[in-house]
Amino acid sequence: MKIETHHINGIKIVEVISENVLIQNSQDGLQLLVDIGYQGFDRIIIYEKNITPDFFDLKNKIAGDILQKYSNYRVRLVIIGEYSKFTNKSIRDFIYESNKFQQINFVSSLDEALAKLSKN
């Protein structure tokens, strides 16, 4: 796992880069939150490929469990991925609703992620 730091408008944003899946379950999501938070970050970018595909099956509640922890700890999270492949109405609605707010966002590029997280 590699950590890339971005400084925009006086805000520190961390981009987590890895070739491996980092989040298999809610405990992994919490551990990433703790590890990154310990380094002084409260704005995180991670890639869809680093999250188990089960995250995007809302029936198993992995997404809800993980994202609730990030919300509780007031850590903003942006997940970069290709979301047009998801045809299930539930996940599409979930992504749409999440993107209305600043806490958790799903975007398609690093530029979009940085733009979202560099706003107060």
C-alpha atoms as a PDB file:
ATOM      1  CA  MET A   1       0.000   0.000   0.000  1.00  0.00           C
ATOM      2  CA  LYS A   2       1.267   3.439  -0.936  1.00  0.00           C
ATOM      3  CA  ILE A   3       0.058   6.694   0.554  1.00  0.00           C
ATOM      4  CA  GLU A   4       0.053   9.804  -1.648  1.00  0.00           C
ATOM      5  CA  THR A   5      -0.571  13.134   0.068  1.00  0.00           C
ATOM      6  CA  HIS A   6      -2.301  15.988  -1.736  1.00  0.00           C
ATOM      7  CA  HIS A   7      -2.374  19.529  -0.316  1.00  0.00           C
ATOM      8  CA  ILE A   8      -5.139  21.719  -1.734  1.00  0.00           C
ATOM      9  CA  ASN A   9      -6.432  24.966  -0.224  1.00  0.00           C
ATOM     10  CA  GLY A  10      -4.636  24.148   3.028  1.00  0.00           C
ATOM     11  CA  ILE A  11      -6.383  20.768   3.249  1.00  0.00           C
ATOM     12  CA  LYS A  12      -4.507  17.462   3.505  1.00  0.00           C
ATOM     13  CA  ILE A  13      -6.012  14.648   1.441  1.00  0.00           C
ATOM     14  CA  VAL A  14      -4.652  11.120   1.344  1.00  0.00           C
ATOM     15  CA  GLU A  15      -4.843   8.900  -1.727  1.00  0.00           C
ATOM     16  CA  VAL A  16      -4.453   5.203  -0.944  1.00  0.00           C
ATOM     17  CA  ILE A  17      -2.817   3.332  -3.812  1.00  0.00           C
ATOM     18  CA  SER A  18      -2.523  -0.448  -3.943  1.00  0.00           C
ATOM     19  CA  GLU A  19      -2.651  -3.285  -6.414  1.00  0.00           C
ATOM     20  CA  ASN A  20      -4.373  -5.457  -3.807  1.00  0.00           C
ATOM     21  CA  VAL A  21      -7.841  -5.506  -2.317  1.00  0.00           C
ATOM     22  CA  LEU A  22      -7.518  -3.626   0.965  1.00  0.00           C
ATOM     23  CA  ILE A  23     -11.095  -3.830   2.204  1.00  0.00           C
ATOM     24  CA  GLN A  24     -12.662  -7.295   2.326  1.00  0.00           C
ATOM     25  CA  ASN A  25     -15.052  -6.599   5.207  1.00  0.00           C
ATOM     26  CA  SER A  26     -16.156  -3.918   7.645  1.00  0.00           C
ATOM     27  CA  GLN A  27     -13.216  -4.588   9.973  1.00  0.00           C
ATOM     28  CA  ASP A  28     -10.759  -3.876   7.134  1.00  0.00           C
ATOM     29  CA  GLY A  29     -12.622  -0.635   6.427  1.00  0.00           C
ATOM     30  CA  LEU A  30     -12.340   0.370  10.077  1.00  0.00           C
ATOM     31  CA  GLN A  31      -8.648  -0.547  10.187  1.00  0.00           C
ATOM     32  CA  LEU A  32      -7.927   1.644   7.164  1.00  0.00           C
ATOM     33  CA  LEU A  33      -9.838   4.489   8.829  1.00  0.00           C
ATOM     34  CA  VAL A  34      -7.779   4.099  12.021  1.00  0.00           C
ATOM     35  CA  ASP A  35      -4.444   3.763  10.210  1.00  0.00           C
ATOM     36  CA  ILE A  36      -5.041   6.821   8.038  1.00  0.00           C
ATOM     37  CA  GLY A  37      -6.583   8.819  10.887  1.00  0.00           C
ATOM     38  CA  TYR A  38      -3.554   8.093  13.054  1.00  0.00           C
ATOM     39  CA  GLN A  39      -1.466   9.849  10.394  1.00  0.00           C
ATOM     40  CA  GLY A  40      -3.630  12.968  10.733  1.00  0.00           C
ATOM     41  CA  PHE A  41      -5.903  12.621   7.707  1.00  0.00           C
ATOM     42  CA  ASP A  42      -9.680  13.004   7.682  1.00  0.00           C
ATOM     43  CA  ARG A  43     -10.137  12.976   3.891  1.00  0.00           C
ATOM     44  CA  ILE A  44      -9.420   9.735   2.086  1.00  0.00           C
ATOM     45  CA  ILE A  45      -9.408   8.639  -1.544  1.00  0.00           C
ATOM     46  CA  ILE A  46      -9.513   4.930  -2.318  1.00  0.00           C
ATOM     47  CA  TYR A  47     -10.120   3.039  -5.538  1.00  0.00           C
ATOM     48  CA  GLU A  48     -13.013   0.696  -6.264  1.00  0.00           C
ATOM     49  CA  LYS A  49     -10.550  -2.052  -7.224  1.00  0.00           C
ATOM     50  CA  ASN A  50      -9.245  -2.001  -3.642  1.00  0.00           C
ATOM     51  CA  ILE A  51     -12.650  -2.884  -2.205  1.00  0.00           C
ATOM     52  CA  THR A  52     -14.270  -6.295  -2.346  1.00  0.00           C
ATOM     53  CA  PRO A  53     -16.992  -6.523  -5.005  1.00  0.00           C
ATOM     54  CA  ASP A  54     -19.310  -7.629  -2.168  1.00  0.00           C
ATOM     55  CA  PHE A  55     -19.267  -4.002  -1.003  1.00  0.00           C
ATOM     56  CA  PHE A  56     -21.482  -3.156  -3.974  1.00  0.00           C
ATOM     57  CA  ASP A  57     -24.056  -5.830  -3.096  1.00  0.00           C
ATOM     58  CA  LEU A  58     -26.094  -3.896  -0.557  1.00  0.00           C
ATOM     59  CA  LYS A  59     -27.866  -7.011   0.747  1.00  0.00           C
ATOM     60  CA  ASN A  60     -24.815  -8.088   2.743  1.00  0.00           C
ATOM     61  CA  LYS A  61     -24.573  -4.667   4.476  1.00  0.00           C
ATOM     62  CA  ILE A  62     -20.784  -4.341   4.103  1.00  0.00           C
ATOM     63  CA  ALA A  63     -21.095  -0.904   2.449  1.00  0.00           C
ATOM     64  CA  GLY A  64     -23.488   0.362   5.092  1.00  0.00           C
ATOM     65  CA  ASP A  65     -21.324  -0.886   7.958  1.00  0.00           C
ATOM     66  CA  ILE A  66     -18.144   0.629   6.544  1.00  0.00           C
ATOM     67  CA  LEU A  67     -19.622   3.944   5.497  1.00  0.00           C
ATOM     68  CA  GLN A  68     -21.392   4.370   8.836  1.00  0.00           C
ATOM     69  CA  LYS A  69     -18.018   4.172  10.581  1.00  0.00           C
ATOM     70  CA  TYR A  70     -16.564   6.835   8.300  1.00  0.00           C
ATOM     71  CA  SER A  71     -19.579   9.044   8.940  1.00  0.00           C
ATOM     72  CA  ASN A  72     -19.423   8.514  12.709  1.00  0.00           C
ATOM     73  CA  TYR A  73     -15.754   9.526  12.791  1.00  0.00           C
ATOM     74  CA  ARG A  74     -16.409  12.434  10.395  1.00  0.00           C
ATOM     75  CA  VAL A  75     -13.904  11.158   7.870  1.00  0.00           C
ATOM     76  CA  ARG A  76     -14.738  12.094   4.309  1.00  0.00           C
ATOM     77  CA  LEU A  77     -14.267   9.302   1.792  1.00  0.00           C
ATOM     78  CA  VAL A  78     -14.225   9.314  -1.988  1.00  0.00           C
ATOM     79  CA  ILE A  79     -14.158   6.059  -3.919  1.00  0.00           C
ATOM     80  CA  ILE A  80     -12.899   6.310  -7.498  1.00  0.00           C
ATOM     81  CA  GLY A  81     -14.294   3.766  -9.923  1.00  0.00           C
ATOM     82  CA  GLU A  82     -16.349   2.979 -12.980  1.00  0.00           C
ATOM     83  CA  TYR A  83     -19.926   2.870 -11.725  1.00  0.00           C
ATOM     84  CA  SER A  84     -21.837   2.709 -14.992  1.00  0.00           C
ATOM     85  CA  LYS A  85     -21.380  -1.073 -14.927  1.00  0.00           C
ATOM     86  CA  PHE A  86     -23.739  -1.359 -11.973  1.00  0.00           C
ATOM     87  CA  THR A  87     -27.246  -1.952 -13.252  1.00  0.00           C
ATOM     88  CA  ASN A  88     -28.877  -2.827  -9.937  1.00  0.00           C
ATOM     89  CA  LYS A  89     -31.268  -0.023  -8.963  1.00  0.00           C
ATOM     90  CA  SER A  90     -30.385  -0.274  -5.282  1.00  0.00           C
ATOM     91  CA  ILE A  91     -26.670   0.376  -5.731  1.00  0.00           C
ATOM     92  CA  ARG A  92     -27.284   3.054  -8.354  1.00  0.00           C
ATOM     93  CA  ASP A  93     -29.670   4.837  -5.950  1.00  0.00           C
ATOM     94  CA  PHE A  94     -27.191   4.395  -3.097  1.00  0.00           C
ATOM     95  CA  ILE A  95     -24.400   6.010  -5.144  1.00  0.00           C
ATOM     96  CA  TYR A  96     -26.715   8.807  -6.313  1.00  0.00           C
ATOM     97  CA  GLU A  97     -27.871   9.605  -2.773  1.00  0.00           C
ATOM     98  CA  SER A  98     -24.328   9.456  -1.355  1.00  0.00           C
ATOM     99  CA  ASN A  99     -23.116  11.895  -3.985  1.00  0.00           C
ATOM    100  CA  LYS A 100     -25.673  14.500  -2.895  1.00  0.00           C
ATOM    101  CA  PHE A 101     -23.667  15.103   0.269  1.00  0.00           C
ATOM    102  CA  GLN A 102     -19.979  15.607   1.052  1.00  0.00           C
ATOM    103  CA  GLN A 103     -19.355  12.738   3.458  1.00  0.00           C
ATOM    104  CA  ILE A 104     -19.106   9.776   1.051  1.00  0.00           C
ATOM    105  CA  ASN A 105     -18.777  10.197  -2.702  1.00  0.00           C
ATOM    106  CA  PHE A 106     -18.368   7.931  -5.699  1.00  0.00           C
ATOM    107  CA  VAL A 107     -16.530   9.533  -8.639  1.00  0.00           C
ATOM    108  CA  SER A 108     -14.755   8.433 -11.795  1.00  0.00           C
ATOM    109  CA  SER A 109     -11.428  10.281 -11.591  1.00  0.00           C
ATOM    110  CA  LEU A 110      -8.748  11.540  -9.246  1.00  0.00           C
ATOM    111  CA  ASP A 111      -9.451  15.123 -10.340  1.00  0.00           C
ATOM    112  CA  GLU A 112     -13.106  14.757  -9.304  1.00  0.00           C
ATOM    113  CA  ALA A 113     -12.078  13.194  -5.995  1.00  0.00           C
ATOM    114  CA  LEU A 114      -9.665  15.993  -5.190  1.00  0.00           C
ATOM    115  CA  ALA A 115     -12.269  18.602  -6.143  1.00  0.00           C
ATOM    116  CA  LYS A 116     -14.838  17.010  -3.805  1.00  0.00           C
ATOM    117  CA  LEU A 117     -12.450  16.711  -0.867  1.00  0.00           C
ATOM    118  CA  SER A 118     -10.855  20.139  -1.230  1.00  0.00           C
ATOM    119  CA  LYS A 119     -14.135  21.858  -0.398  1.00  0.00           C
ATOM    120  CA  ASN A 120     -14.970  22.647   3.215  1.00  0.00           C
END
